[in-house]
Protein backbone atom coordinates (compact mmCIF):
# COMPACT_ATOMS: atom_id res chain seq x y z
CA MET A 1 -0.26 -0.17 -0.04
CA SER A 2 1.01 3.75 -0.70
CA ASN A 3 -0.10 6.96 1.65
CA GLU A 4 -1.85 9.27 -0.35
CA ASP A 5 0.98 11.41 -2.36
CA GLY A 6 2.60 8.07 -3.03
CA SER A 7 6.09 8.84 -1.46
CA ILE A 8 5.77 6.07 1.01
CA ARG A 9 5.11 2.44 0.47
CA ILE A 10 4.54 -0.42 2.81
CA VAL A 11 4.62 -4.13 2.94
CA PHE A 12 3.14 -5.29 6.29
CA ASN A 13 2.61 -8.47 8.32
CA GLY A 14 0.85 -8.27 11.78
CA GLU A 15 -1.89 -6.87 13.67
CA ILE A 16 -2.08 -3.44 15.26
CA TYR A 17 -4.50 -3.48 18.37
CA ASN A 18 -4.50 0.01 18.99
CA PHE A 19 -5.01 1.62 15.34
CA GLY A 20 -8.25 2.76 16.03
CA GLU A 21 -6.67 4.93 18.38
CA LEU A 22 -4.00 6.17 16.01
CA ARG A 23 -6.25 6.65 13.09
CA ALA A 24 -8.08 9.23 15.46
CA GLU A 25 -5.11 10.72 16.37
CA LEU A 26 -3.74 11.32 12.88
CA SER A 27 -7.25 12.72 11.13
CA GLU A 28 -6.97 15.32 14.11
CA ARG A 29 -3.66 16.07 12.66
CA GLY A 30 -5.27 16.14 9.19
CA TYR A 31 -4.42 13.00 7.39
CA HIS A 32 -7.00 11.43 5.60
CA PHE A 33 -8.02 7.33 4.92
CA LYS A 34 -9.15 5.81 2.24
CA SER A 35 -9.54 2.50 4.14
CA HIS A 36 -10.15 1.42 7.67
CA THR A 37 -7.10 -0.87 7.78
CA ASP A 38 -4.43 -0.73 10.44
CA THR A 39 -1.84 -0.94 7.25
CA GLU A 40 -2.81 2.79 6.20
CA VAL A 41 -2.33 3.88 9.81
CA ILE A 42 1.20 2.42 9.84
CA LEU A 43 1.76 4.47 6.94
CA ASN A 44 0.21 7.91 7.98
CA GLY A 45 1.68 7.46 11.38
CA TYR A 46 5.43 7.12 9.74
CA HIS A 47 4.73 10.20 7.51
CA CYS A 48 3.88 11.92 10.76
CA TRP A 49 6.19 10.56 13.09
CA GLY A 50 9.18 8.87 11.34
CA GLU A 51 10.86 5.79 12.71
CA GLN A 52 9.14 6.69 16.49
CA VAL A 53 6.01 5.46 15.14
CA PHE A 54 6.95 1.89 16.06
CA LYS A 55 7.16 2.95 19.85
CA ARG A 56 3.50 3.49 19.30
CA LEU A 57 2.06 0.46 18.04
CA ARG A 58 0.71 -2.23 20.33
CA GLY A 59 0.30 -5.29 18.54
CA MET A 60 2.53 -7.79 16.21
CA PHE A 61 4.21 -6.72 13.18
CA ALA A 62 6.77 -7.25 10.54
CA ILE A 63 6.87 -4.00 8.25
CA ALA A 64 9.22 -2.94 5.28
CA LEU A 65 8.46 0.99 4.63
CA TRP A 66 10.12 2.46 1.43
CA ASP A 67 10.49 6.41 1.98
CA GLN A 68 10.74 7.84 -1.43
CA ARG A 69 12.25 11.18 0.25
CA SER A 70 15.02 9.91 1.75
CA GLN A 71 15.48 6.96 -0.71
CA LYS A 72 15.58 4.56 2.09
CA LEU A 73 14.31 1.34 3.37
CA ILE A 74 13.12 0.75 6.92
CA LEU A 75 12.35 -3.13 8.17
CA ALA A 76 11.09 -3.25 11.67
CA ARG A 77 9.83 -6.21 14.03
CA ASP A 78 7.72 -6.07 16.90
CA ARG A 79 8.44 -5.91 20.72
CA VAL A 80 8.54 -9.55 21.32
CA GLY A 81 9.11 -10.72 18.17
CA LYS A 82 6.03 -12.45 17.21
CA LYS A 83 6.44 -11.89 13.81
CA PRO A 84 9.47 -13.00 11.81
CA LEU A 85 11.71 -10.45 9.48
CA PHE A 86 14.54 -12.05 7.75
CA TYR A 87 17.25 -10.12 5.27
CA ALA A 88 20.36 -10.94 3.32
CA TRP A 89 22.63 -8.65 1.37
CA CYS A 90 23.00 -10.05 -2.20
CA ASN A 91 25.92 -8.90 -4.45
CA GLY A 92 24.55 -5.19 -3.54
CA THR A 93 21.07 -6.24 -3.15
CA LEU A 94 19.11 -6.43 0.07
CA LEU A 95 16.43 -8.97 0.40
CA PHE A 96 14.02 -9.12 3.10
CA ALA A 97 10.94 -11.24 4.00
CA SER A 98 8.88 -13.30 6.30
CA GLU A 99 10.27 -16.78 5.46
CA ILE A 100 14.14 -17.43 4.58
CA LYS A 101 12.19 -19.56 1.56
CA ALA A 102 11.56 -16.25 0.01
CA ILE A 103 15.17 -15.11 -0.13
CA LEU A 104 16.52 -18.42 -1.25
CA ALA A 105 14.18 -17.96 -4.72
CA TRP A 106 16.51 -14.98 -5.43
CA PRO A 107 18.43 -16.74 -8.49
CA GLU A 108 22.03 -14.93 -7.29
CA PHE A 109 21.86 -16.38 -3.68
CA LYS A 110 23.46 -19.41 -2.74
CA ARG A 111 22.56 -22.00 -0.05
CA GLU A 112 24.95 -22.74 2.43
CA PRO A 113 24.63 -23.90 6.06
CA ASP A 114 25.86 -21.64 8.84
CA TYR A 115 27.90 -23.98 11.10
CA THR A 116 28.07 -21.20 13.86
CA ALA A 117 24.26 -21.40 13.83
CA ILE A 118 24.03 -24.98 13.50
CA HIS A 119 26.30 -25.18 16.45
CA HIS A 120 24.22 -23.00 18.61
CA TYR A 121 20.82 -25.08 17.71
CA LEU A 122 22.67 -28.32 18.93
CA THR A 123 22.67 -26.53 22.59
CA LEU A 124 19.45 -24.89 22.27
CA GLN A 125 17.13 -26.91 19.69
CA TYR A 126 16.62 -23.60 17.57
CA VAL A 127 18.99 -21.15 15.96
CA PRO A 128 18.95 -17.99 18.13
CA ALA A 129 18.89 -14.49 16.50
CA PRO A 130 20.51 -12.87 14.74
CA TRP A 131 22.09 -16.13 13.39
CA SER A 132 20.05 -18.22 10.32
CA ALA A 133 20.77 -21.93 9.48
CA PHE A 134 21.90 -20.60 6.22
CA LYS A 135 25.32 -18.47 5.62
CA GLY A 136 24.39 -15.04 4.57
CA VAL A 137 20.63 -14.86 6.04
CA HIS A 138 19.92 -12.88 9.11
CA LYS A 139 16.99 -12.30 11.92
CA LEU A 140 16.19 -9.15 12.49
CA PRO A 141 15.94 -9.11 16.12
CA GLN A 142 12.93 -8.10 18.02
CA ALA A 143 12.09 -4.53 18.98
CA SER A 144 14.26 -3.34 16.35
CA TYR A 145 14.23 -1.55 12.89
CA MET A 146 16.92 -1.35 10.29
CA VAL A 147 17.52 1.23 8.11
CA ALA A 148 19.07 0.62 4.47
CA ASN A 149 20.28 3.19 2.16
CA ARG A 150 21.03 2.86 -1.58
CA ASN A 151 24.50 2.87 -1.08
CA GLY A 152 24.66 -0.30 0.66
CA SER A 153 25.27 1.09 4.26
CA SER A 154 22.76 -0.01 6.82
CA HIS A 155 22.02 0.02 10.68
CA ILE A 156 19.95 -1.30 13.52
CA GLU A 157 18.33 0.63 16.09
CA LYS A 158 16.54 -0.78 19.10
CA TYR A 159 13.72 1.08 19.72
CA TRP A 160 12.02 -0.63 22.89
CA ALA A 161 13.28 -2.69 26.05
CA LEU A 162 11.56 -3.93 29.33
CA PRO A 163 12.37 -2.61 32.42
CA LEU A 164 15.57 -4.01 33.93
CA PRO A 165 15.01 -6.62 36.96
CA GLU A 166 16.88 -4.63 39.09
CA ARG A 167 14.53 -1.78 38.93
CA ALA A 168 11.79 -3.90 40.33
CA ARG A 169 10.11 -3.00 43.56
CA GLN A 170 7.58 -5.05 45.63
CA ARG A 171 4.42 -3.95 46.71
CA PRO A 172 1.45 -4.89 48.66
CA ALA A 173 0.09 -8.67 46.63
CA ALA A 174 -3.74 -7.08 46.77
CA GLU A 175 -2.90 -4.55 44.45
CA LEU A 176 -0.82 -6.49 42.41
CA LYS A 177 -3.47 -9.01 41.74
CA GLU A 178 -6.08 -6.26 41.17
CA GLU A 179 -4.03 -4.67 38.47
CA LEU A 180 -2.68 -8.26 36.91
CA VAL A 181 -6.78 -8.89 36.31
CA GLY A 182 -7.36 -5.51 34.72
CA LEU A 183 -4.32 -5.49 32.70
CA LEU A 184 -4.48 -9.20 31.22
CA ASP A 185 -8.51 -8.58 30.55
CA GLU A 186 -7.72 -5.20 28.39
CA ALA A 187 -5.04 -7.27 26.50
CA VAL A 188 -7.62 -10.41 25.85
CA ARG A 189 -10.40 -7.82 25.08
CA LEU A 190 -8.29 -6.08 22.55
CA ARG A 191 -7.11 -9.27 20.84
CA MET A 192 -10.96 -10.16 20.74
CA ILE A 193 -11.69 -7.77 17.84
CA ALA A 194 -11.88 -9.63 14.84
CA ASP A 195 -14.37 -9.56 12.05
CA VAL A 196 -13.73 -13.43 11.59
CA PRO A 197 -14.60 -16.28 13.68
CA LEU A 198 -12.29 -16.50 16.43
CA GLY A 199 -11.81 -19.27 19.39
CA ALA A 200 -8.72 -20.05 21.59
CA PHE A 201 -6.02 -22.78 22.27
CA LEU A 202 -6.70 -24.73 25.90
CA SER A 203 -4.03 -26.84 27.17
CA GLY A 204 -5.63 -27.32 30.51
CA GLY A 205 -2.68 -25.28 32.24
CA VAL A 206 -2.77 -22.10 34.10
CA ASP A 207 -1.87 -19.78 30.78
CA SER A 208 -4.09 -20.85 28.62
CA SER A 209 -7.28 -21.38 31.26
CA ALA A 210 -6.41 -17.82 32.39
CA ILE A 211 -6.91 -16.68 28.87
CA VAL A 212 -10.24 -18.65 28.01
CA ALA A 213 -11.84 -17.20 31.56
CA LEU A 214 -11.18 -14.18 30.63
CA MET A 215 -12.61 -14.46 27.01
CA ALA A 216 -15.60 -15.48 28.29
CA ARG A 217 -16.68 -12.39 29.91
CA HIS A 218 -16.08 -10.74 26.88
CA ALA A 219 -17.58 -13.26 24.33
CA SER A 220 -20.86 -12.74 22.68
CA GLY A 221 -21.68 -16.40 22.42
CA ARG A 222 -20.06 -19.58 23.54
CA VAL A 223 -15.94 -19.32 23.04
CA LYS A 224 -14.54 -22.02 20.99
CA THR A 225 -11.53 -23.93 22.49
CA PHE A 226 -9.36 -26.61 21.30
CA SER A 227 -6.94 -28.99 22.83
CA ILE A 228 -4.29 -31.59 21.81
CA GLY A 229 -3.64 -34.85 24.03
CA PHE A 230 -1.94 -37.99 23.80
CA ASP A 231 -2.47 -42.01 24.48
CA GLU A 232 0.43 -41.86 26.98
CA ALA A 233 -1.35 -40.33 30.17
CA ASP A 234 1.89 -38.54 31.47
CA PHE A 235 1.36 -36.32 28.25
CA ASP A 236 -2.06 -36.04 28.22
CA GLU A 237 -4.17 -32.70 29.66
CA ARG A 238 -7.23 -33.11 28.24
CA GLN A 239 -9.15 -33.66 31.61
CA TYR A 240 -8.23 -30.21 32.89
CA ALA A 241 -8.91 -28.84 29.82
CA ARG A 242 -12.55 -30.28 30.10
CA MET A 243 -12.92 -28.61 33.59
CA VAL A 244 -12.22 -25.32 31.58
CA ALA A 245 -14.62 -25.97 29.07
CA GLU A 246 -17.25 -27.06 31.03
CA ARG A 247 -16.77 -24.17 33.66
CA TYR A 248 -17.32 -21.50 30.66
CA ASP A 249 -19.73 -23.77 28.41
CA THR A 250 -17.12 -23.46 25.67
CA ASP A 251 -17.78 -25.15 22.33
CA HIS A 252 -14.44 -27.30 22.73
CA HIS A 253 -12.99 -29.72 20.02
CA GLU A 254 -10.37 -32.36 20.70
CA MET A 255 -7.80 -34.23 18.89
CA VAL A 256 -5.50 -37.21 19.82
CA VAL A 257 -2.07 -37.19 18.84
CA ARG A 258 -0.18 -40.44 18.20
CA PRO A 259 3.12 -41.54 16.57
CA ASP A 260 1.91 -41.70 13.12
CA ALA A 261 1.50 -37.89 13.57
CA ALA A 262 5.49 -37.90 13.11
CA SER A 263 4.72 -38.44 9.42
CA ILE A 264 4.43 -34.85 8.92
CA LEU A 265 7.75 -34.09 9.47
CA PRO A 266 8.80 -33.60 5.79
CA LEU A 267 5.93 -30.60 5.81
CA LEU A 268 7.44 -29.39 9.15
CA THR A 269 11.05 -29.31 7.56
CA TRP A 270 9.87 -27.13 4.89
CA HIS A 271 7.52 -24.63 6.92
CA TYR A 272 10.21 -24.05 9.25
CA ASN A 273 12.80 -23.42 7.20
CA GLU A 274 15.34 -24.19 9.59
CA PRO A 275 16.27 -27.02 11.56
CA PHE A 276 13.83 -26.46 14.74
CA ALA A 277 13.90 -29.20 17.77
CA ASP A 278 10.92 -28.43 19.94
CA PRO A 279 8.95 -31.50 19.22
CA SER A 280 6.00 -29.46 20.44
CA ALA A 281 5.62 -28.00 17.16
CA ILE A 282 3.82 -31.49 16.31
CA PRO A 283 1.17 -30.95 18.81
CA THR A 284 1.08 -27.25 17.63
CA TYR A 285 0.41 -27.94 14.26
CA TYR A 286 -2.41 -30.39 14.57
CA VAL A 287 -4.19 -28.19 17.18
CA SER A 288 -3.88 -25.56 14.78
CA GLN A 289 -5.22 -27.74 12.23
CA ILE A 290 -8.61 -28.37 13.95
CA ALA A 291 -8.74 -24.85 14.96
CA ARG A 292 -8.65 -23.60 11.57
CA GLN A 293 -11.76 -25.56 10.64
CA GLN A 294 -14.10 -23.22 13.05
CA VAL A 295 -12.01 -19.67 13.35
CA THR A 296 -9.59 -17.60 11.70
CA VAL A 297 -8.35 -16.23 14.60
CA ALA A 298 -7.21 -18.29 17.80
CA LEU A 299 -6.01 -16.73 21.09
CA ASN A 300 -3.29 -18.41 23.05
CA GLY A 301 -1.33 -18.39 26.47
CA ASP A 302 2.01 -18.11 25.54
CA GLY A 303 4.18 -15.77 27.40
CA GLY A 304 2.87 -16.31 30.82
CA ASP A 305 5.66 -18.59 32.29
CA GLU A 306 8.17 -15.90 31.36
CA SER A 307 6.90 -12.98 32.80
CA PHE A 308 5.50 -14.51 35.90
CA LEU A 309 8.20 -17.51 36.58
CA GLY A 310 6.26 -20.53 35.54
CA TYR A 311 8.83 -22.90 34.55
CA GLY A 312 9.84 -25.76 36.78
CA ARG A 313 13.35 -25.01 36.12
CA TYR A 314 13.03 -21.69 37.78
CA THR A 315 12.11 -23.73 40.96
CA GLN A 316 15.48 -25.60 40.54
CA CYS A 317 17.05 -21.79 40.07
CA LEU A 318 15.46 -20.86 43.62
CA LYS A 319 16.89 -23.85 45.28
CA THR A 320 20.20 -23.11 44.15
CA GLU A 321 20.20 -19.46 44.85
CA TRP A 322 22.25 -20.50 47.61
CA MET A 323 25.51 -21.49 45.75
CA SER A 324 26.21 -17.25 44.93
CA ARG A 325 26.39 -17.08 48.58
CA VAL A 326 29.42 -19.73 49.14
CA PRO A 327 32.92 -18.69 49.26
CA ARG A 328 34.44 -19.03 45.64
CA PRO A 329 37.15 -21.46 46.89
CA LEU A 330 34.46 -23.75 48.26
CA ARG A 331 32.54 -23.55 45.04
CA GLN A 332 36.00 -24.55 42.85
CA LEU A 333 36.76 -27.35 45.30
CA ALA A 334 32.90 -28.70 44.55
CA ALA A 335 33.48 -28.43 40.97
CA VAL A 336 36.89 -30.20 40.79
CA PHE A 337 34.82 -32.89 42.91
CA GLY A 338 32.29 -32.89 40.72
CA LYS A 339 34.03 -33.12 37.31
CA SER A 340 36.36 -36.05 38.58
CA ILE A 341 33.24 -38.55 38.36
CA PRO A 342 33.93 -40.40 35.61
CA HIS A 343 31.28 -40.12 32.96
CA GLY A 344 30.94 -43.95 32.77
CA MET A 345 28.59 -43.48 35.78
CA ASP A 346 26.17 -41.42 33.97
CA ARG A 347 23.84 -44.21 34.30
CA HIS A 348 23.05 -43.89 37.58
CA ARG A 349 20.57 -41.01 37.69
CA LEU A 350 22.25 -39.96 41.32
CA PHE A 351 26.02 -39.58 40.05
CA ARG A 352 24.60 -37.74 36.51
CA VAL A 353 22.54 -35.29 38.35
CA GLY A 354 25.19 -34.80 41.03
CA ARG A 355 28.28 -34.58 38.74
CA ARG A 356 26.46 -32.03 36.36
CA TRP A 357 25.56 -29.46 39.33
CA LEU A 358 28.79 -29.94 41.10
CA SER A 359 30.53 -29.04 37.85
CA TYR A 360 28.46 -26.00 37.31
CA ILE A 361 28.83 -24.85 41.33
CA SER A 362 31.62 -22.65 40.57
CA GLU A 363 30.61 -21.56 36.67
CA LYS A 364 29.08 -18.09 35.77
CA ASP A 365 25.27 -18.04 35.94
CA SER A 366 24.69 -19.35 32.46
CA ARG A 367 26.39 -22.30 33.05
CA ARG A 368 24.86 -23.18 35.96
CA TYR A 369 21.17 -22.80 34.55
CA ALA A 370 22.66 -24.66 31.46
CA PRO A 371 21.51 -28.45 32.89
CA SER A 372 18.08 -27.00 32.44
CA ILE A 373 17.75 -25.64 29.01
CA ALA A 374 21.28 -27.41 27.26
CA TYR A 375 20.71 -30.31 25.18
CA PHE A 376 24.22 -30.75 23.51
CA PHE A 377 26.35 -30.01 26.81
CA GLU A 378 30.37 -28.90 26.26
CA HIS A 379 31.21 -32.58 27.03
CA ASP A 380 28.60 -34.08 24.21
CA LYS A 381 30.28 -31.53 21.36
CA LEU A 382 33.65 -32.53 22.72
CA ALA A 383 32.83 -36.27 22.32
CA GLY A 384 30.95 -36.28 19.23
CA TYR A 385 31.87 -32.83 16.84
CA ASP A 386 33.28 -33.88 13.51
CA HIS A 387 35.68 -31.88 11.32
CA ASN A 388 33.25 -29.22 10.23
CA LEU A 389 32.00 -28.05 13.33
CA GLN A 390 35.12 -29.08 15.47
CA PRO A 391 36.65 -25.25 14.79
CA LEU A 392 33.79 -24.11 17.01
CA LEU A 393 34.29 -25.50 19.97
CA GLY A 394 35.60 -23.13 22.08
CA ASN A 395 32.71 -20.89 21.45
CA SER A 396 30.25 -21.64 23.98
CA THR A 397 26.67 -20.82 23.17
CA LEU A 398 26.12 -19.81 26.63
CA ASP A 399 27.81 -16.87 26.58
CA LEU A 400 24.95 -15.39 24.44
CA LEU A 401 23.09 -15.81 27.83
CA GLU A 402 25.25 -14.66 30.24
CA PRO A 403 24.69 -10.71 29.49
CA TYR A 404 21.05 -11.07 30.84
CA PHE A 405 21.92 -12.78 34.00
CA ARG A 406 24.37 -10.01 34.35
CA GLN A 407 21.39 -7.43 34.43
CA SER A 408 19.34 -9.29 37.41
CA PRO A 409 20.11 -9.25 41.15
CA SER A 410 19.15 -12.64 41.18
CA PHE A 411 19.63 -16.27 39.43
CA VAL A 412 16.05 -16.92 39.15
CA GLY A 413 15.42 -13.52 37.84
CA GLY A 414 18.14 -13.79 35.41
CA ALA A 415 17.04 -17.17 33.97
CA ALA A 416 13.64 -15.76 33.23
CA TRP A 417 15.22 -12.40 31.55
CA ALA A 418 17.22 -14.80 29.35
CA ASP A 419 14.34 -16.61 28.32
CA ILE A 420 12.24 -13.79 27.58
CA HIS A 421 15.04 -12.57 25.02
CA THR A 422 15.90 -15.85 23.46
CA TYR A 423 13.90 -18.80 24.45
CA LEU A 424 10.66 -17.21 23.83
CA PRO A 425 11.19 -15.12 20.46
CA ASP A 426 13.39 -17.79 18.94
CA ASP A 427 11.39 -20.91 19.89
CA LEU A 428 8.07 -20.53 21.31
CA LEU A 429 6.85 -17.58 19.11
CA VAL A 430 8.50 -19.59 16.08
CA LYS A 431 6.66 -22.50 16.80
CA VAL A 432 3.24 -21.43 17.16
CA ASP A 433 3.57 -18.46 14.57
CA ILE A 434 4.82 -20.96 11.63
CA ALA A 435 2.23 -24.12 13.37
CA SER A 436 -0.63 -21.61 13.22
CA MET A 437 0.19 -19.84 9.51
CA ALA A 438 0.80 -23.26 8.06
CA HIS A 439 -2.79 -23.43 8.01
CA GLY A 440 -3.38 -20.01 7.70
CA LEU A 441 -4.69 -19.30 11.06
CA GLU A 442 -3.86 -16.19 13.15
CA SER A 443 -2.33 -16.45 16.73
CA ARG A 444 -2.76 -13.95 19.38
CA SER A 445 -1.16 -13.84 22.72
CA PRO A 446 -2.77 -11.57 25.32
CA PHE A 447 -0.01 -12.40 28.06
CA LEU A 448 2.98 -10.39 25.27
CA ASP A 449 0.88 -7.50 25.22
CA HIS A 450 3.75 -5.11 25.87
CA ALA A 451 1.88 -2.95 28.67
CA LEU A 452 1.46 -6.20 30.48
CA MET A 453 5.10 -7.28 30.05
CA GLU A 454 6.37 -4.11 30.95
CA TRP A 455 4.07 -3.88 34.48
CA ALA A 456 5.05 -7.62 35.05
CA ALA A 457 8.69 -6.79 34.99
CA GLY A 458 8.73 -4.43 37.85
CA ILE A 459 7.60 -7.36 40.18
CA PRO A 460 10.71 -8.96 42.00
CA ALA A 461 11.33 -12.60 41.34
CA ALA A 462 10.72 -13.29 44.63
CA GLN A 463 7.33 -11.84 45.02
CA LYS A 464 6.60 -13.70 41.93
CA MET A 465 7.41 -16.96 43.31
CA ALA A 466 6.05 -16.43 46.50
CA GLY A 467 6.77 -19.66 49.12
CA GLY A 468 8.62 -21.10 46.16
CA GLU A 469 5.33 -21.53 44.38
CA THR A 470 6.01 -20.85 40.43
CA LYS A 471 3.25 -18.03 39.05
CA ALA A 472 2.23 -17.36 42.62
CA ILE A 473 0.82 -13.77 41.79
CA LEU A 474 -0.97 -15.02 38.51
CA LYS A 475 -2.24 -18.03 40.11
CA SER A 476 -3.46 -15.52 43.14
CA ALA A 477 -4.75 -13.58 40.79
CA MET A 478 -6.71 -16.28 38.87
CA GLU A 479 -8.92 -17.90 41.95
CA PRO A 480 -12.05 -16.26 41.19
CA PHE A 481 -11.77 -17.41 37.93
CA LEU A 482 -10.53 -21.24 37.70
CA PRO A 483 -10.38 -24.18 39.99
CA LYS A 484 -7.47 -24.43 42.38
CA GLU A 485 -7.09 -28.09 40.51
CA ILE A 486 -6.33 -26.33 37.55
CA LEU A 487 -4.11 -23.38 39.36
CA TYR A 488 -2.06 -25.41 41.83
CA ARG A 489 -1.35 -28.71 39.76
CA PRO A 490 2.42 -29.49 38.73
CA LYS A 491 3.04 -28.12 35.53
CA MET A 492 3.16 -30.53 32.20
CA GLY A 493 4.11 -28.28 29.81
CA PHE A 494 3.10 -28.99 26.00
CA GLY A 495 5.13 -32.42 26.06
CA VAL A 496 5.59 -34.89 23.52
CA PRO A 497 6.17 -38.89 24.22
CA ILE A 498 9.26 -38.59 21.95
CA ASP A 499 11.31 -40.73 24.20
CA GLN A 500 9.05 -43.52 23.61
CA TRP A 501 8.12 -43.04 20.00
CA LEU A 502 12.02 -43.26 19.62
CA ARG A 503 11.91 -46.53 20.78
CA ARG A 504 8.95 -48.26 19.02
CA GLU A 505 7.36 -46.25 16.07
CA LEU A 506 10.17 -44.16 15.15
CA LYS A 507 13.08 -46.35 16.06
CA GLU A 508 13.67 -47.72 12.12
CA PHE A 509 13.33 -44.47 11.04
CA ALA A 510 15.89 -42.53 13.26
CA TYR A 511 18.67 -45.15 12.71
CA ASP A 512 18.27 -45.11 8.77
CA THR A 513 18.21 -41.57 8.85
CA LEU A 514 20.98 -40.57 11.24
CA LEU A 515 23.07 -43.46 10.01
CA SER A 516 22.52 -42.97 6.32
CA THR A 517 25.57 -42.45 4.04
CA GLN A 518 24.63 -38.61 3.63
CA ALA A 519 24.71 -38.23 7.30
CA ARG A 520 27.68 -39.95 7.93
CA GLN A 521 29.55 -37.84 4.98
CA ARG A 522 28.52 -34.55 6.54
CA GLY A 523 31.36 -33.77 9.01
CA LEU A 524 28.90 -32.52 11.52
CA VAL A 525 28.70 -35.24 14.12
CA LYS A 526 30.72 -38.59 14.20
CA PRO A 527 28.38 -41.53 13.30
CA GLU A 528 30.08 -43.88 15.96
CA PHE A 529 28.86 -40.71 18.54
CA VAL A 530 25.39 -40.71 17.05
CA LYS A 531 24.64 -44.53 16.96
CA THR A 532 26.19 -44.67 20.61
CA LEU A 533 23.14 -42.37 21.37
CA LEU A 534 20.47 -44.29 19.37
CA ASP A 535 21.96 -47.94 21.19
CA GLU A 536 21.79 -46.39 24.42
CA HIS A 537 18.09 -44.74 24.13
CA CYS A 538 16.44 -47.78 22.92
CA ALA A 539 18.42 -50.33 24.98
CA GLY A 540 16.67 -47.76 28.06
CA ILE A 541 20.43 -47.69 29.17
CA ARG A 542 20.11 -43.91 29.15
CA LEU A 543 17.49 -41.17 27.76
CA HIS A 544 18.76 -39.23 24.70
CA HIS A 545 15.60 -38.31 23.30
CA THR A 546 16.00 -34.93 22.79
CA ARG A 547 19.63 -35.29 21.67
CA LEU A 548 18.46 -37.44 18.96
CA TRP A 549 15.47 -35.25 18.16
CA GLY A 550 17.71 -32.88 17.76
CA LEU A 551 20.13 -34.32 15.38
CA LEU A 552 17.02 -35.78 13.56
CA MET A 553 15.39 -32.53 12.66
CA LEU A 554 19.08 -31.14 11.57
CA GLU A 555 19.22 -34.14 9.20
CA LEU A 556 16.10 -33.82 7.63
CA TRP A 557 16.99 -30.03 7.19
CA PHE A 558 20.03 -31.10 5.36
CA GLN A 559 17.74 -33.02 3.20
CA MET A 560 15.83 -31.07 1.91
CA TRP A 561 17.27 -27.22 1.79
CA ILE A 562 20.99 -27.96 1.21
CA ASP A 563 21.31 -31.37 -0.77
CA PRO A 564 18.89 -30.37 -3.52
CA ALA A 565 19.96 -28.36 -6.71
CA GLN A 566 17.02 -26.48 -6.29
CA ALA A 567 15.37 -25.10 -2.88
CA PRO A 568 11.95 -26.97 -2.57
CA LEU A 569 9.81 -23.56 -2.85
CA SER A 570 6.45 -25.73 -2.61
CA PRO A 571 5.67 -27.95 0.63
CA PRO A 572 5.44 -31.89 0.15
CA ALA A 573 2.42 -33.47 0.01
CA ARG A 574 0.27 -33.34 3.35
CA PRO A 575 -0.44 -36.31 5.18
CA PRO A 576 -3.91 -37.26 5.68
CA ALA A 577 -5.25 -35.52 8.56
CA ILE A 578 -5.32 -37.72 11.48
C-alpha cells in the first residue's frame, strides 16, 4: 500500500490492536484515510512521526517501509518478536522476507549452511537471532528496526526494552492481583476484536485457562476452544482442559496425537525453513489444524511462564540461589570433585545429576542454568563433533545468555530474563507462528501485550514466586476464575512422548536417517557417537531423545534445504489428517 501522495510504500504482516486510537489522532492532525485498515494507519503514522511510530504500535508486526523522499528502506519488527523478519545482502541487493524460502528464491543467492548457527542450534534446539541456519541470512532482532540506504550502508536501532530486573520493587499483593486481572483482561479484550471467527487454544494449564476465562467475559456467544491430547497418560492434559471448558460452557474440540503424527515431519521441515527441534511443534501444528476448521483467529497463553516465572526449572534456580553466596574457593573445590566423577557412571541418575551440578557450581550463571536448557553439553560436543564443527568447540553458546544474567540481581530472575530475550522469541513464538500460519490461522497472545509485560517486569522474582510457588501472583489473581485443581497442580507443559516414540514406532526411521550415507558424510557429528546415542536410548540405558530429535531434525533440514540442486519452493504433500 502507498500513502496519499505516493511518497511512502509499505509491506506489512501482523495486527495492530490500537490502530483505531492512532487513526483518530492522525485524523485530527489532518491525515486522510482511504481504507479502514491498520496498514494505512502505519503508513500515515510513519509520515507523521517517522521511526518513532514503532513505539506507538500495540500489537505484532513485521514491516517494510520504502521512503521515496529520503531514498531509504526501513525494516521493523514488533517488541517481543511475534512476527518473523529475515534479510540478506546479495551482491549489493537487499533481500527481505517473512520466510527464508522467499530469500532462497532469489536466483543469485547461494544456499550454504551456517555452521555457527548449527553449533548454537545443537545447544538450544533452535537457531538464535541474529543467526539463521543459512549463511548470509539474518534475523532482525525483536524490538528493532533497520535502516538501509541506496549506497549499501545500513544500521539497526533498538526502539524498546523492558525495564531491567534490578528496577523491580515489591508491592502489596492485593494491589498486584487487582492490577494483573485488569491488564490481562484488557489485553484479551483487544485481541478479541476481529471481524472473523475467533477461538482459543486450551491446554488445561494456568495460562491458556486464564485466557479462556477472561474471553468468556467478553464473548457474545460460546467461546470455541481446542485441545490436543496423547494416549500416554503422563503427557495428556485433556481432563483439565475439559474442566475449564465445562466451567465456561465453551464449544470444545479435541484431537489425540499418536506416533503416526510424525508423518508430517517433512512438511514441518519445509514450513520451519531451519532445523527446529522443539517436538511440541507437532501438537501445535495439529491443534492449529483443528482450530482452523472452525475459526480464523485463536488466542493462546504464550508468554505467561516467562513473565510470571512458571517453568519448573525456575524452582530449581530458586533452590540453588545459595550457590552464589558460597565462598568462591569452596565452590571451586566442589567443582573439581564433580568433574572427577567418571562419565561412565552417568548410567546412574544420582551420579549423573550430582556430577552435572557440582561441575557447574563455580561457573557463571549461564553455565549453572545450562542443565535446565541445554541439549548438547560441552562434553557432548567435545566427544561428538566431526571436522566441520570442531573449530567451534571454543565458542560456547551459553555466552550468549550471560549478559542477561548480569542484568538481574537474582539467579532465577536472570534465568527468566534470558528466556524472555532468547527462548521466547526464537523458539516458542517461532513454533506457534509457523504452525498456525501453515493453516492460515492467526495466533494472538494476550500475555505478550507489551503493557502487561512492562508491568510484570516491575515485580521482583521473589514475589512472583512467593513461597517457592511458580506463578504465585498470577495463580492467586486467577483464583476467582479457575478451580484450584487447575491453578495448583504440577505443571506438565506441552510435552511430546518422543522418548517412547523413538524406542518404538520411530526407531527404524531414526536409525535409517541418522546413520545414512548422507548423514555420515556431512562432517557434523561423528557416526559412532550418533550410533551410541541411538543404541543407549533404545536399550533404555540412558535417555537421549532430546539430542536424537535435534539430530533428526537437523538431518531432515539438510536433506530438504541443502542437498537438492534447487530449493523446494512448494511444500511436500500433506499427509491425511489424523
